[in-house]
Amino acid sequence: AIRKCRGQVIVHNTQVTPRDLDMGDVQDYFDDVISEVSHKWDDLARKLGFSENQIKGIESLKPDQDRRCREMLHRWRNRDGREATLQVLQQALIEIDGRLTAESLQGYGPRKRSAEHTEETDGGRNVLRLDVAEYFFSIKKKVSTNWKDLADCLRLDWAEVRNIDGRNPDDESRCRDMLDVWQTRRGDAATIYVLMEALCKAQLQSVVDDIKDEYPELR
């Protein structure tokens, strides 16, 4: 299914350059896969080697398609280790009629994942610094129409909020844009912990609970 040809790798007519082979952790692409094919996550699971019982287990564990797809992808990565590559994922996507999604994953670097322990402490304990942008995809879908309340709690001024409102077609896009603006303004101070605190202030505790359930490292 995958063969080398003149410095490239061919995946059933999909060309992946040598640069694409060193793109980092395959999980950096999971958000893109989930946004495109979560509605047929079980078909993808079968192509990635999951049994029907395993698929039913994930289905009973998670309440919606996005979470089931994410859980399945993380289980696949944990199960297969180094063999859970972008090329394997692309081939599986192609086999479930997801060629466009597979091809969209190549040609650009993955989102940077930067989780590392720091020397800073919070209440006498070491804290884990995480790239807050890793959580934006999930948060925008959950916050959606309440994005202005969250913007207020993140201390964005209303001129920025009006600009964001006017240049985006829907509330999910506005929420993502607002989060990007906040991160750019605050730099290293824009942490997932600050964002969770703002969500609580915006009376969106259910969103905090959901992302803690979705991302165990935040518990």
N, C-alpha and C. Protein backbone atom coordinates (compact mmCIF):
# COMPACT_ATOMS: atom_id res chain seq x y z
N ALA A 1 0.82 -1.20 0.00
CA ALA A 1 0.00 0.00 0.00
C ALA A 1 0.86 1.25 0.00
N ILE A 2 2.03 1.16 0.66
CA ILE A 2 2.93 2.31 0.74
C ILE A 2 4.27 1.89 0.16
N ARG A 3 4.77 2.62 -0.84
CA ARG A 3 6.05 2.26 -1.43
C ARG A 3 6.86 3.51 -1.72
N LYS A 4 8.18 3.36 -1.74
CA LYS A 4 9.07 4.47 -2.03
C LYS A 4 9.27 4.59 -3.53
N CYS A 5 9.39 5.82 -4.03
CA CYS A 5 9.60 6.04 -5.46
C CYS A 5 10.30 7.38 -5.65
N ARG A 6 11.59 7.33 -6.01
CA ARG A 6 12.37 8.54 -6.28
C ARG A 6 12.27 9.56 -5.16
N GLY A 7 12.52 9.11 -3.95
CA GLY A 7 12.55 10.03 -2.81
C GLY A 7 11.19 10.42 -2.28
N GLN A 8 10.13 9.79 -2.82
CA GLN A 8 8.79 10.08 -2.33
C GLN A 8 8.15 8.80 -1.84
N VAL A 9 7.03 8.95 -1.17
CA VAL A 9 6.23 7.80 -0.77
C VAL A 9 4.89 7.93 -1.44
N ILE A 10 4.44 6.85 -2.11
CA ILE A 10 3.17 6.87 -2.81
C ILE A 10 2.16 6.08 -2.00
N VAL A 11 1.05 6.72 -1.63
CA VAL A 11 -0.02 6.03 -0.92
C VAL A 11 -1.23 6.01 -1.84
N HIS A 12 -1.33 4.94 -2.65
CA HIS A 12 -2.45 4.82 -3.59
C HIS A 12 -2.68 6.14 -4.34
N ASN A 13 -1.68 6.58 -5.07
CA ASN A 13 -1.75 7.79 -5.89
C ASN A 13 -1.69 9.09 -5.11
N THR A 14 -1.54 9.01 -3.77
CA THR A 14 -1.37 10.21 -2.98
C THR A 14 0.11 10.36 -2.68
N GLN A 15 0.72 11.44 -3.12
CA GLN A 15 2.16 11.63 -2.95
C GLN A 15 2.46 12.37 -1.67
N VAL A 16 3.42 11.83 -0.92
CA VAL A 16 3.86 12.43 0.33
C VAL A 16 5.35 12.67 0.21
N THR A 17 5.79 13.89 0.32
CA THR A 17 7.20 14.21 0.14
C THR A 17 7.98 13.84 1.38
N PRO A 18 9.33 13.74 1.29
CA PRO A 18 10.14 13.43 2.47
C PRO A 18 9.91 14.40 3.61
N ARG A 19 9.62 15.67 3.28
CA ARG A 19 9.36 16.64 4.34
C ARG A 19 8.15 16.23 5.17
N ASP A 20 7.13 15.66 4.49
CA ASP A 20 5.91 15.27 5.19
C ASP A 20 6.13 14.11 6.13
N LEU A 21 7.18 13.30 5.88
CA LEU A 21 7.41 12.12 6.72
C LEU A 21 7.93 12.48 8.10
N ASP A 22 8.44 13.70 8.26
CA ASP A 22 8.99 14.10 9.55
C ASP A 22 8.16 15.24 10.10
N MET A 23 6.89 15.00 10.28
CA MET A 23 5.97 16.06 10.67
C MET A 23 5.61 16.02 12.14
N GLY A 24 6.24 15.16 12.89
CA GLY A 24 5.95 15.11 14.30
C GLY A 24 4.91 14.05 14.63
N ASP A 25 4.26 14.23 15.76
CA ASP A 25 3.33 13.24 16.28
C ASP A 25 2.04 13.22 15.47
N VAL A 26 1.59 12.02 15.12
CA VAL A 26 0.37 11.89 14.32
C VAL A 26 -0.84 12.49 15.03
N GLN A 27 -0.82 12.55 16.36
CA GLN A 27 -1.98 13.08 17.06
C GLN A 27 -2.18 14.57 16.81
N ASP A 28 -1.15 15.24 16.26
CA ASP A 28 -1.31 16.64 15.91
C ASP A 28 -2.35 16.83 14.80
N TYR A 29 -2.70 15.77 14.11
CA TYR A 29 -3.67 15.84 13.02
C TYR A 29 -5.07 15.38 13.44
N PHE A 30 -5.22 14.95 14.68
CA PHE A 30 -6.48 14.35 15.09
C PHE A 30 -7.65 15.34 15.00
N ASP A 31 -7.44 16.60 15.38
CA ASP A 31 -8.53 17.57 15.33
C ASP A 31 -9.08 17.71 13.91
N ASP A 32 -8.16 17.72 12.93
CA ASP A 32 -8.59 17.85 11.54
C ASP A 32 -9.39 16.63 11.09
N VAL A 33 -8.92 15.46 11.49
CA VAL A 33 -9.62 14.23 11.13
C VAL A 33 -11.01 14.21 11.77
N ILE A 34 -11.08 14.56 13.04
CA ILE A 34 -12.35 14.55 13.76
C ILE A 34 -13.35 15.50 13.12
N SER A 35 -12.89 16.69 12.73
CA SER A 35 -13.81 17.67 12.15
C SER A 35 -14.39 17.21 10.82
N GLU A 36 -13.68 16.33 10.13
CA GLU A 36 -14.11 15.92 8.79
C GLU A 36 -14.83 14.58 8.76
N VAL A 37 -14.42 13.63 9.58
CA VAL A 37 -14.95 12.27 9.42
C VAL A 37 -15.49 11.65 10.70
N SER A 38 -15.74 12.44 11.73
CA SER A 38 -16.23 11.84 12.97
C SER A 38 -17.57 11.13 12.76
N HIS A 39 -18.33 11.55 11.73
CA HIS A 39 -19.63 10.92 11.47
C HIS A 39 -19.49 9.48 11.00
N LYS A 40 -18.28 9.10 10.56
CA LYS A 40 -18.05 7.70 10.20
C LYS A 40 -16.79 7.17 10.90
N TRP A 41 -16.67 7.53 12.17
CA TRP A 41 -15.52 7.13 12.96
C TRP A 41 -15.42 5.61 13.09
N ASP A 42 -16.58 4.93 13.10
CA ASP A 42 -16.54 3.48 13.25
C ASP A 42 -15.96 2.80 12.01
N ASP A 43 -16.24 3.36 10.82
CA ASP A 43 -15.62 2.83 9.60
C ASP A 43 -14.10 3.01 9.64
N LEU A 44 -13.68 4.20 10.10
CA LEU A 44 -12.24 4.46 10.23
C LEU A 44 -11.61 3.51 11.24
N ALA A 45 -12.33 3.27 12.34
CA ALA A 45 -11.83 2.36 13.37
C ALA A 45 -11.59 0.97 12.81
N ARG A 46 -12.49 0.49 11.98
CA ARG A 46 -12.33 -0.85 11.38
C ARG A 46 -11.07 -0.89 10.51
N LYS A 47 -10.85 0.16 9.74
CA LYS A 47 -9.67 0.20 8.88
C LYS A 47 -8.38 0.28 9.70
N LEU A 48 -8.48 0.82 10.92
CA LEU A 48 -7.30 0.91 11.80
C LEU A 48 -7.17 -0.31 12.70
N GLY A 49 -7.98 -1.34 12.45
CA GLY A 49 -7.78 -2.61 13.13
C GLY A 49 -8.57 -2.83 14.40
N PHE A 50 -9.63 -2.06 14.62
CA PHE A 50 -10.45 -2.26 15.82
C PHE A 50 -11.52 -3.31 15.55
N SER A 51 -11.79 -4.12 16.55
CA SER A 51 -12.83 -5.14 16.44
C SER A 51 -14.20 -4.51 16.69
N GLU A 52 -15.26 -5.25 16.33
CA GLU A 52 -16.61 -4.75 16.56
C GLU A 52 -16.89 -4.55 18.06
N ASN A 53 -16.36 -5.44 18.89
CA ASN A 53 -16.55 -5.28 20.34
C ASN A 53 -15.85 -4.03 20.86
N GLN A 54 -14.65 -3.76 20.34
CA GLN A 54 -13.93 -2.55 20.75
C GLN A 54 -14.68 -1.30 20.32
N ILE A 55 -15.24 -1.33 19.13
CA ILE A 55 -16.01 -0.19 18.62
C ILE A 55 -17.25 0.03 19.48
N LYS A 56 -17.94 -1.05 19.83
CA LYS A 56 -19.12 -0.92 20.69
C LYS A 56 -18.75 -0.38 22.07
N GLY A 57 -17.56 -0.78 22.56
CA GLY A 57 -17.11 -0.28 23.86
C GLY A 57 -16.89 1.22 23.84
N ILE A 58 -16.27 1.72 22.78
CA ILE A 58 -16.04 3.17 22.65
C ILE A 58 -17.38 3.89 22.51
N GLU A 59 -18.28 3.29 21.74
CA GLU A 59 -19.60 3.90 21.52
C GLU A 59 -20.37 4.05 22.82
N SER A 60 -20.26 3.07 23.69
CA SER A 60 -20.98 3.15 24.97
C SER A 60 -20.28 4.07 25.97
N LEU A 61 -18.99 4.30 25.75
CA LEU A 61 -18.20 5.11 26.68
C LEU A 61 -18.37 6.60 26.45
N LYS A 62 -18.49 7.00 25.19
CA LYS A 62 -18.53 8.42 24.83
C LYS A 62 -19.89 8.78 24.24
N PRO A 63 -20.39 10.00 24.56
CA PRO A 63 -21.77 10.34 24.20
C PRO A 63 -21.99 10.86 22.78
N ASP A 64 -20.93 11.27 22.08
CA ASP A 64 -21.15 11.83 20.75
C ASP A 64 -20.06 11.37 19.79
N GLN A 65 -20.27 11.64 18.50
CA GLN A 65 -19.38 11.15 17.46
C GLN A 65 -17.97 11.72 17.58
N ASP A 66 -17.86 13.02 17.87
CA ASP A 66 -16.53 13.64 17.98
C ASP A 66 -15.70 12.97 19.07
N ARG A 67 -16.30 12.74 20.22
CA ARG A 67 -15.56 12.14 21.33
C ARG A 67 -15.21 10.68 21.05
N ARG A 68 -16.13 9.99 20.39
CA ARG A 68 -15.83 8.61 20.03
C ARG A 68 -14.66 8.54 19.06
N CYS A 69 -14.66 9.45 18.09
CA CYS A 69 -13.57 9.47 17.11
C CYS A 69 -12.25 9.79 17.80
N ARG A 70 -12.26 10.76 18.70
CA ARG A 70 -11.02 11.13 19.40
C ARG A 70 -10.52 9.98 20.27
N GLU A 71 -11.44 9.35 21.00
CA GLU A 71 -11.06 8.23 21.86
C GLU A 71 -10.45 7.10 21.03
N MET A 72 -11.06 6.80 19.89
CA MET A 72 -10.57 5.74 19.02
C MET A 72 -9.18 6.07 18.49
N LEU A 73 -8.98 7.30 18.06
CA LEU A 73 -7.68 7.69 17.51
C LEU A 73 -6.59 7.62 18.57
N HIS A 74 -6.90 8.05 19.78
CA HIS A 74 -5.90 7.98 20.85
C HIS A 74 -5.60 6.52 21.22
N ARG A 75 -6.62 5.69 21.22
CA ARG A 75 -6.38 4.26 21.51
C ARG A 75 -5.51 3.64 20.42
N TRP A 76 -5.78 4.01 19.17
CA TRP A 76 -4.97 3.50 18.05
C TRP A 76 -3.52 3.92 18.21
N ARG A 77 -3.29 5.19 18.52
CA ARG A 77 -1.91 5.68 18.69
C ARG A 77 -1.22 4.98 19.85
N ASN A 78 -1.91 4.82 20.96
CA ASN A 78 -1.32 4.17 22.13
C ASN A 78 -1.05 2.68 21.85
N ARG A 79 -1.92 2.06 21.09
CA ARG A 79 -1.78 0.64 20.78
C ARG A 79 -0.63 0.37 19.83
N ASP A 80 -0.54 1.17 18.77
CA ASP A 80 0.43 0.89 17.70
C ASP A 80 1.75 1.62 17.85
N GLY A 81 1.81 2.60 18.76
CA GLY A 81 3.09 3.27 19.00
C GLY A 81 3.69 3.89 17.75
N ARG A 82 4.96 3.55 17.46
CA ARG A 82 5.65 4.13 16.31
C ARG A 82 5.01 3.75 14.98
N GLU A 83 4.24 2.68 14.98
CA GLU A 83 3.59 2.26 13.74
C GLU A 83 2.31 3.04 13.45
N ALA A 84 1.87 3.84 14.41
CA ALA A 84 0.71 4.71 14.20
C ALA A 84 1.20 5.99 13.53
N THR A 85 1.35 5.95 12.23
CA THR A 85 1.94 7.06 11.47
C THR A 85 0.89 7.82 10.68
N LEU A 86 1.28 8.99 10.22
CA LEU A 86 0.40 9.78 9.38
C LEU A 86 0.04 9.03 8.11
N GLN A 87 1.01 8.29 7.55
CA GLN A 87 0.74 7.57 6.31
C GLN A 87 -0.30 6.46 6.51
N VAL A 88 -0.24 5.76 7.64
CA VAL A 88 -1.24 4.73 7.93
C VAL A 88 -2.62 5.37 8.08
N LEU A 89 -2.67 6.50 8.77
CA LEU A 89 -3.94 7.21 8.96
C LEU A 89 -4.50 7.69 7.62
N GLN A 90 -3.63 8.22 6.76
CA GLN A 90 -4.08 8.67 5.45
C GLN A 90 -4.66 7.52 4.63
N GLN A 91 -3.98 6.38 4.66
CA GLN A 91 -4.46 5.23 3.89
C GLN A 91 -5.83 4.77 4.39
N ALA A 92 -6.00 4.75 5.71
CA ALA A 92 -7.30 4.36 6.28
C ALA A 92 -8.39 5.34 5.85
N LEU A 93 -8.06 6.64 5.83
CA LEU A 93 -9.03 7.65 5.41
C LEU A 93 -9.42 7.44 3.94
N ILE A 94 -8.44 7.15 3.11
CA ILE A 94 -8.71 6.91 1.69
C ILE A 94 -9.66 5.73 1.52
N GLU A 95 -9.47 4.70 2.34
CA GLU A 95 -10.28 3.49 2.21
C GLU A 95 -11.72 3.66 2.70
N ILE A 96 -12.00 4.78 3.40
CA ILE A 96 -13.39 5.07 3.77
C ILE A 96 -13.92 6.27 2.98
N ASP A 97 -13.35 6.45 1.78
CA ASP A 97 -13.76 7.55 0.89
C ASP A 97 -13.46 8.92 1.47
N GLY A 98 -12.35 8.99 2.21
CA GLY A 98 -11.93 10.27 2.78
C GLY A 98 -10.64 10.78 2.15
N ARG A 99 -10.52 10.61 0.82
CA ARG A 99 -9.28 11.00 0.15
C ARG A 99 -8.98 12.49 0.34
N LEU A 100 -10.01 13.34 0.22
CA LEU A 100 -9.77 14.78 0.36
C LEU A 100 -9.22 15.11 1.75
N THR A 101 -9.77 14.47 2.76
CA THR A 101 -9.26 14.67 4.12
C THR A 101 -7.83 14.17 4.23
N ALA A 102 -7.56 13.00 3.66
CA ALA A 102 -6.20 12.44 3.71
C ALA A 102 -5.21 13.37 3.04
N GLU A 103 -5.58 13.90 1.89
CA GLU A 103 -4.66 14.77 1.16
C GLU A 103 -4.50 16.12 1.86
N SER A 104 -5.54 16.56 2.59
CA SER A 104 -5.43 17.84 3.30
C SER A 104 -4.45 17.78 4.46
N LEU A 105 -4.14 16.56 4.92
CA LEU A 105 -3.23 16.42 6.06
C LEU A 105 -1.77 16.54 5.66
N GLN A 106 -1.48 16.50 4.38
CA GLN A 106 -0.10 16.59 3.93
C GLN A 106 0.17 17.98 3.38
N GLY A 107 1.44 18.32 3.29
CA GLY A 107 1.83 19.58 2.68
C GLY A 107 1.97 20.72 3.65
N TYR A 108 1.67 20.47 4.94
CA TYR A 108 1.91 21.50 5.94
C TYR A 108 2.28 20.82 7.23
N GLY A 109 3.00 21.54 8.07
CA GLY A 109 3.42 20.96 9.34
C GLY A 109 2.26 20.86 10.30
N PRO A 110 2.30 19.90 11.21
CA PRO A 110 1.23 19.76 12.19
C PRO A 110 1.25 20.90 13.18
N ARG A 111 0.14 21.05 13.88
CA ARG A 111 0.13 22.03 14.96
C ARG A 111 1.20 21.68 15.97
N LYS A 112 1.90 22.67 16.45
CA LYS A 112 2.96 22.43 17.43
C LYS A 112 2.36 22.00 18.75
N ARG A 113 2.84 20.90 19.26
CA ARG A 113 2.43 20.45 20.59
C ARG A 113 3.57 20.75 21.54
N SER A 114 3.28 21.47 22.61
CA SER A 114 4.37 21.85 23.50
C SER A 114 3.93 21.68 24.94
N ALA A 115 3.94 20.47 25.40
CA ALA A 115 3.64 20.20 26.79
C ALA A 115 4.94 19.89 27.51
N GLU A 116 5.27 20.68 28.51
CA GLU A 116 6.52 20.44 29.20
C GLU A 116 6.40 20.91 30.64
N HIS A 117 7.15 20.26 31.53
CA HIS A 117 7.19 20.70 32.91
C HIS A 117 8.04 21.95 33.03
N THR A 118 7.61 22.87 33.87
CA THR A 118 8.37 24.09 34.08
C THR A 118 8.84 24.13 35.52
N GLU A 119 9.67 25.10 35.81
CA GLU A 119 10.17 25.27 37.17
C GLU A 119 9.19 26.10 38.00
N GLU A 120 8.14 26.63 37.34
CA GLU A 120 7.18 27.43 38.07
C GLU A 120 6.36 26.54 38.98
N THR A 121 5.83 27.14 40.03
CA THR A 121 4.98 26.38 40.94
C THR A 121 3.67 27.10 41.14
N ASP A 122 2.67 26.35 41.50
CA ASP A 122 1.36 26.90 41.80
C ASP A 122 0.90 26.24 43.09
N GLY A 123 0.95 27.00 44.17
CA GLY A 123 0.56 26.43 45.46
C GLY A 123 1.54 25.38 45.93
N GLY A 124 2.81 25.52 45.55
CA GLY A 124 3.83 24.61 46.00
C GLY A 124 3.98 23.36 45.15
N ARG A 125 3.25 23.27 44.02
CA ARG A 125 3.38 22.09 43.17
C ARG A 125 3.85 22.50 41.79
N ASN A 126 4.55 21.60 41.11
CA ASN A 126 4.94 21.85 39.73
C ASN A 126 3.70 21.88 38.86
N VAL A 127 3.69 22.75 37.85
CA VAL A 127 2.57 22.81 36.94
C VAL A 127 3.02 22.37 35.56
N LEU A 128 2.10 21.80 34.83
CA LEU A 128 2.38 21.36 33.47
C LEU A 128 1.96 22.46 32.51
N ARG A 129 2.89 22.94 31.71
CA ARG A 129 2.57 23.96 30.73
C ARG A 129 2.14 23.29 29.43
N LEU A 130 0.97 23.66 28.94
CA LEU A 130 0.42 23.05 27.75
C LEU A 130 0.10 24.14 26.74
N ASP A 131 0.21 23.79 25.46
CA ASP A 131 -0.14 24.73 24.41
C ASP A 131 -1.65 24.90 24.41
N VAL A 132 -2.11 26.07 24.82
CA VAL A 132 -3.55 26.28 24.97
C VAL A 132 -4.29 26.11 23.65
N ALA A 133 -3.64 26.38 22.54
CA ALA A 133 -4.30 26.28 21.24
C ALA A 133 -4.75 24.85 20.92
N GLU A 134 -4.13 23.87 21.59
CA GLU A 134 -4.53 22.47 21.38
C GLU A 134 -6.00 22.24 21.73
N TYR A 135 -6.56 23.11 22.58
CA TYR A 135 -7.91 22.89 23.09
C TYR A 135 -8.95 23.77 22.39
N PHE A 136 -8.50 24.67 21.50
CA PHE A 136 -9.42 25.63 20.90
C PHE A 136 -10.51 24.96 20.06
N PHE A 137 -10.14 23.93 19.32
CA PHE A 137 -11.12 23.27 18.45
C PHE A 137 -12.30 22.75 19.28
N SER A 138 -11.98 22.07 20.36
CA SER A 138 -13.04 21.50 21.19
C SER A 138 -13.84 22.60 21.88
N ILE A 139 -13.15 23.62 22.38
CA ILE A 139 -13.82 24.69 23.13
C ILE A 139 -14.75 25.49 22.23
N LYS A 140 -14.32 25.79 21.01
CA LYS A 140 -15.18 26.61 20.14
C LYS A 140 -16.50 25.91 19.85
N LYS A 141 -16.46 24.58 19.73
CA LYS A 141 -17.69 23.84 19.45
C LYS A 141 -18.63 23.84 20.65
N LYS A 142 -18.07 23.87 21.84
CA LYS A 142 -18.88 23.81 23.05
C LYS A 142 -19.38 25.19 23.48
N VAL A 143 -18.57 26.23 23.24
CA VAL A 143 -18.94 27.59 23.67
C VAL A 143 -19.88 28.23 22.66
N SER A 144 -19.49 28.21 21.41
CA SER A 144 -20.30 28.68 20.28
C SER A 144 -21.02 30.00 20.57
N THR A 145 -22.33 29.96 20.77
CA THR A 145 -23.12 31.20 20.89
C THR A 145 -22.78 32.02 22.13
N ASN A 146 -22.07 31.44 23.09
CA ASN A 146 -21.70 32.17 24.31
C ASN A 146 -20.31 32.79 24.21
N TRP A 147 -19.79 32.91 23.01
CA TRP A 147 -18.40 33.35 22.85
C TRP A 147 -18.18 34.78 23.35
N LYS A 148 -19.20 35.63 23.25
CA LYS A 148 -19.04 37.02 23.71
C LYS A 148 -18.89 37.08 25.23
N ASP A 149 -19.63 36.21 25.95
CA ASP A 149 -19.48 36.15 27.40
C ASP A 149 -18.07 35.73 27.78
N LEU A 150 -17.54 34.75 27.04
CA LEU A 150 -16.17 34.30 27.31
C LEU A 150 -15.18 35.40 26.96
N ALA A 151 -15.40 36.11 25.87
CA ALA A 151 -14.51 37.21 25.48
C ALA A 151 -14.45 38.27 26.57
N ASP A 152 -15.60 38.56 27.17
CA ASP A 152 -15.65 39.54 28.25
C ASP A 152 -14.82 39.08 29.45
N CYS A 153 -14.93 37.80 29.79
CA CYS A 153 -14.17 37.27 30.93
C CYS A 153 -12.68 37.15 30.62
N LEU A 154 -12.33 37.10 29.35
CA LEU A 154 -10.91 37.10 28.95
C LEU A 154 -10.39 38.52 28.74
N ARG A 155 -11.25 39.51 29.01
CA ARG A 155 -10.89 40.93 28.98
C ARG A 155 -10.53 41.45 27.60
N LEU A 156 -11.20 40.94 26.60
CA LEU A 156 -11.09 41.55 25.28
C LEU A 156 -12.00 42.77 25.24
N ASP A 157 -11.54 43.85 24.61
CA ASP A 157 -12.40 45.04 24.57
C ASP A 157 -13.46 44.88 23.49
N TRP A 158 -14.51 45.69 23.58
CA TRP A 158 -15.66 45.50 22.72
C TRP A 158 -15.39 45.89 21.28
N ALA A 159 -14.39 46.74 21.05
CA ALA A 159 -14.01 47.05 19.66
C ALA A 159 -13.49 45.79 18.98
N GLU A 160 -12.67 45.02 19.70
CA GLU A 160 -12.17 43.76 19.15
C GLU A 160 -13.31 42.77 18.93
N VAL A 161 -14.21 42.73 19.89
CA VAL A 161 -15.34 41.80 19.78
C VAL A 161 -16.19 42.14 18.56
N ARG A 162 -16.44 43.43 18.31
CA ARG A 162 -17.22 43.83 17.14
C ARG A 162 -16.50 43.45 15.85
N ASN A 163 -15.18 43.64 15.82
CA ASN A 163 -14.42 43.26 14.63
C ASN A 163 -14.50 41.76 14.36
N ILE A 164 -14.35 40.98 15.44
CA ILE A 164 -14.44 39.52 15.32
C ILE A 164 -15.82 39.12 14.84
N ASP A 165 -16.84 39.76 15.38
CA ASP A 165 -18.23 39.46 15.02
C ASP A 165 -18.47 39.70 13.53
N GLY A 166 -17.90 40.80 13.02
CA GLY A 166 -18.17 41.19 11.65
C GLY A 166 -17.40 40.42 10.60
N ARG A 167 -16.25 39.84 10.97
CA ARG A 167 -15.43 39.21 9.94
C ARG A 167 -15.56 37.70 9.88
N ASN A 168 -16.48 37.15 10.65
CA ASN A 168 -16.67 35.69 10.66
C ASN A 168 -18.12 35.34 10.35
N PRO A 169 -18.35 34.20 9.68
CA PRO A 169 -19.70 33.86 9.23
C PRO A 169 -20.59 33.19 10.26
N ASP A 170 -19.99 32.62 11.33
CA ASP A 170 -20.81 31.89 12.30
C ASP A 170 -20.14 31.97 13.67
N ASP A 171 -20.89 31.53 14.70
CA ASP A 171 -20.41 31.69 16.08
C ASP A 171 -19.20 30.81 16.39
N GLU A 172 -19.13 29.62 15.81
CA GLU A 172 -17.95 28.78 16.05
C GLU A 172 -16.69 29.46 15.51
N SER A 173 -16.79 30.04 14.32
CA SER A 173 -15.65 30.75 13.74
C SER A 173 -15.30 31.98 14.57
N ARG A 174 -16.30 32.67 15.06
CA ARG A 174 -16.05 33.85 15.90
C ARG A 174 -15.36 33.46 17.20
N CYS A 175 -15.81 32.36 17.78
CA CYS A 175 -15.20 31.89 19.03
C CYS A 175 -13.73 31.53 18.80
N ARG A 176 -13.44 30.81 17.73
CA ARG A 176 -12.05 30.44 17.44
C ARG A 176 -11.20 31.67 17.18
N ASP A 177 -11.72 32.62 16.41
CA ASP A 177 -11.01 33.86 16.13
C ASP A 177 -10.72 34.61 17.42
N MET A 178 -11.73 34.69 18.29
CA MET A 178 -11.57 35.38 19.57
C MET A 178 -10.48 34.74 20.42
N LEU A 179 -10.46 33.41 20.45
CA LEU A 179 -9.43 32.70 21.22
C LEU A 179 -8.04 32.95 20.65
N ASP A 180 -7.94 32.99 19.32
CA ASP A 180 -6.64 33.27 18.69
C ASP A 180 -6.17 34.68 19.03
N VAL A 181 -7.10 35.63 19.01
CA VAL A 181 -6.76 37.03 19.36
C VAL A 181 -6.29 37.10 20.80
N TRP A 182 -7.01 36.44 21.68
CA TRP A 182 -6.62 36.42 23.11
C TRP A 182 -5.24 35.81 23.30
N GLN A 183 -4.97 34.69 22.64
CA GLN A 183 -3.66 34.05 22.78
C GLN A 183 -2.54 34.95 22.26
N THR A 184 -2.78 35.60 21.12
CA THR A 184 -1.77 36.50 20.55
C THR A 184 -1.49 37.66 21.49
N ARG A 185 -2.52 38.21 22.09
CA ARG A 185 -2.36 39.35 23.00
C ARG A 185 -1.63 38.96 24.28
N ARG A 186 -1.99 37.81 24.84
CA ARG A 186 -1.47 37.45 26.17
C ARG A 186 -0.18 36.65 26.11
N GLY A 187 0.14 36.07 24.95
CA GLY A 187 1.39 35.33 24.83
C GLY A 187 1.47 34.16 25.80
N ASP A 188 2.58 34.05 26.53
CA ASP A 188 2.78 32.95 27.46
C ASP A 188 1.78 32.95 28.61
N ALA A 189 1.16 34.11 28.86
CA ALA A 189 0.17 34.19 29.94
C ALA A 189 -1.16 33.57 29.54
N ALA A 190 -1.33 33.27 28.25
CA ALA A 190 -2.57 32.64 27.78
C ALA A 190 -2.46 31.13 27.97
N THR A 191 -2.82 30.66 29.14
CA THR A 191 -2.72 29.24 29.46
C THR A 191 -4.09 28.60 29.51
N ILE A 192 -4.12 27.29 29.44
CA ILE A 192 -5.39 26.58 29.52
C ILE A 192 -6.04 26.77 30.89
N TYR A 193 -5.23 26.98 31.92
CA TYR A 193 -5.78 27.18 33.26
C TYR A 193 -6.47 28.54 33.37
N VAL A 194 -5.88 29.56 32.76
CA VAL A 194 -6.52 30.88 32.72
C VAL A 194 -7.83 30.78 31.93
N LEU A 195 -7.79 30.05 30.83
CA LEU A 195 -8.98 29.90 30.00
C LEU A 195 -10.09 29.15 30.74
N MET A 196 -9.74 28.12 31.48
CA MET A 196 -10.75 27.39 32.24
C MET A 196 -11.36 28.27 33.33
N GLU A 197 -10.54 29.10 33.95
CA GLU A 197 -11.06 30.02 34.96
C GLU A 197 -12.04 31.01 34.33
N ALA A 198 -11.71 31.52 33.14
CA ALA A 198 -12.60 32.44 32.44
C ALA A 198 -13.91 31.74 32.05
N LEU A 199 -13.83 30.49 31.66
CA LEU A 199 -15.04 29.73 31.33
C LEU A 199 -15.96 29.62 32.55
N CYS A 200 -15.36 29.38 33.69
CA CYS A 200 -16.16 29.31 34.93
C CYS A 200 -16.83 30.65 35.22
N LYS A 201 -16.07 31.74 35.07
CA LYS A 201 -16.63 33.08 35.31
C LYS A 201 -17.76 33.39 34.35
N ALA A 202 -17.67 32.84 33.15
CA ALA A 202 -18.71 33.06 32.14
C ALA A 202 -19.89 32.10 32.32
N GLN A 203 -19.91 31.41 33.46
CA GLN A 203 -20.97 30.44 33.78
C GLN A 203 -21.03 29.31 32.75
N LEU A 204 -19.83 28.88 32.36
CA LEU A 204 -19.71 27.77 31.41
C LEU A 204 -18.94 26.62 32.05
N GLN A 205 -19.28 26.32 33.30
CA GLN A 205 -18.62 25.23 34.01
C GLN A 205 -18.79 23.91 33.28
N SER A 206 -19.91 23.74 32.60
CA SER A 206 -20.14 22.48 31.88
C SER A 206 -19.10 22.27 30.78
N VAL A 207 -18.63 23.37 30.18
CA VAL A 207 -17.59 23.27 29.16
C VAL A 207 -16.28 22.82 29.80
N VAL A 208 -15.96 23.36 30.96
CA VAL A 208 -14.76 22.95 31.69
C VAL A 208 -14.83 21.46 32.02
N ASP A 209 -15.98 21.02 32.49
CA ASP A 209 -16.15 19.60 32.82
C ASP A 209 -15.97 18.73 31.58
N ASP A 210 -16.50 19.20 30.47
CA ASP A 210 -16.40 18.43 29.23
C ASP A 210 -14.96 18.30 28.75
N ILE A 211 -14.21 19.39 28.79
CA ILE A 211 -12.83 19.31 28.27
C ILE A 211 -11.94 18.53 29.24
N LYS A 212 -12.25 18.56 30.53
CA LYS A 212 -11.50 17.72 31.46
C LYS A 212 -11.77 16.23 31.20
N ASP A 213 -13.00 15.95 30.80
CA ASP A 213 -13.35 14.57 30.46
C ASP A 213 -12.66 14.16 29.16
N GLU A 214 -12.57 15.11 28.24
CA GLU A 214 -12.00 14.83 26.93
C GLU A 214 -10.47 14.76 26.96
N TYR A 215 -9.87 15.57 27.84
CA TYR A 215 -8.42 15.65 27.94
C TYR A 215 -7.98 15.30 29.37
N PRO A 216 -7.64 14.05 29.62
CA PRO A 216 -7.31 13.59 30.98
C PRO A 216 -6.18 14.38 31.64
N GLU A 217 -5.29 14.96 30.86
CA GLU A 217 -4.16 15.68 31.45
C GLU A 217 -4.60 16.93 32.21
N LEU A 218 -5.85 17.36 32.03
CA LEU A 218 -6.34 18.56 32.69
C LEU A 218 -7.03 18.25 34.01
N ARG A 219 -7.17 17.00 34.34
CA ARG A 219 -7.90 16.64 35.57
C ARG A 219 -7.04 16.90 36.80
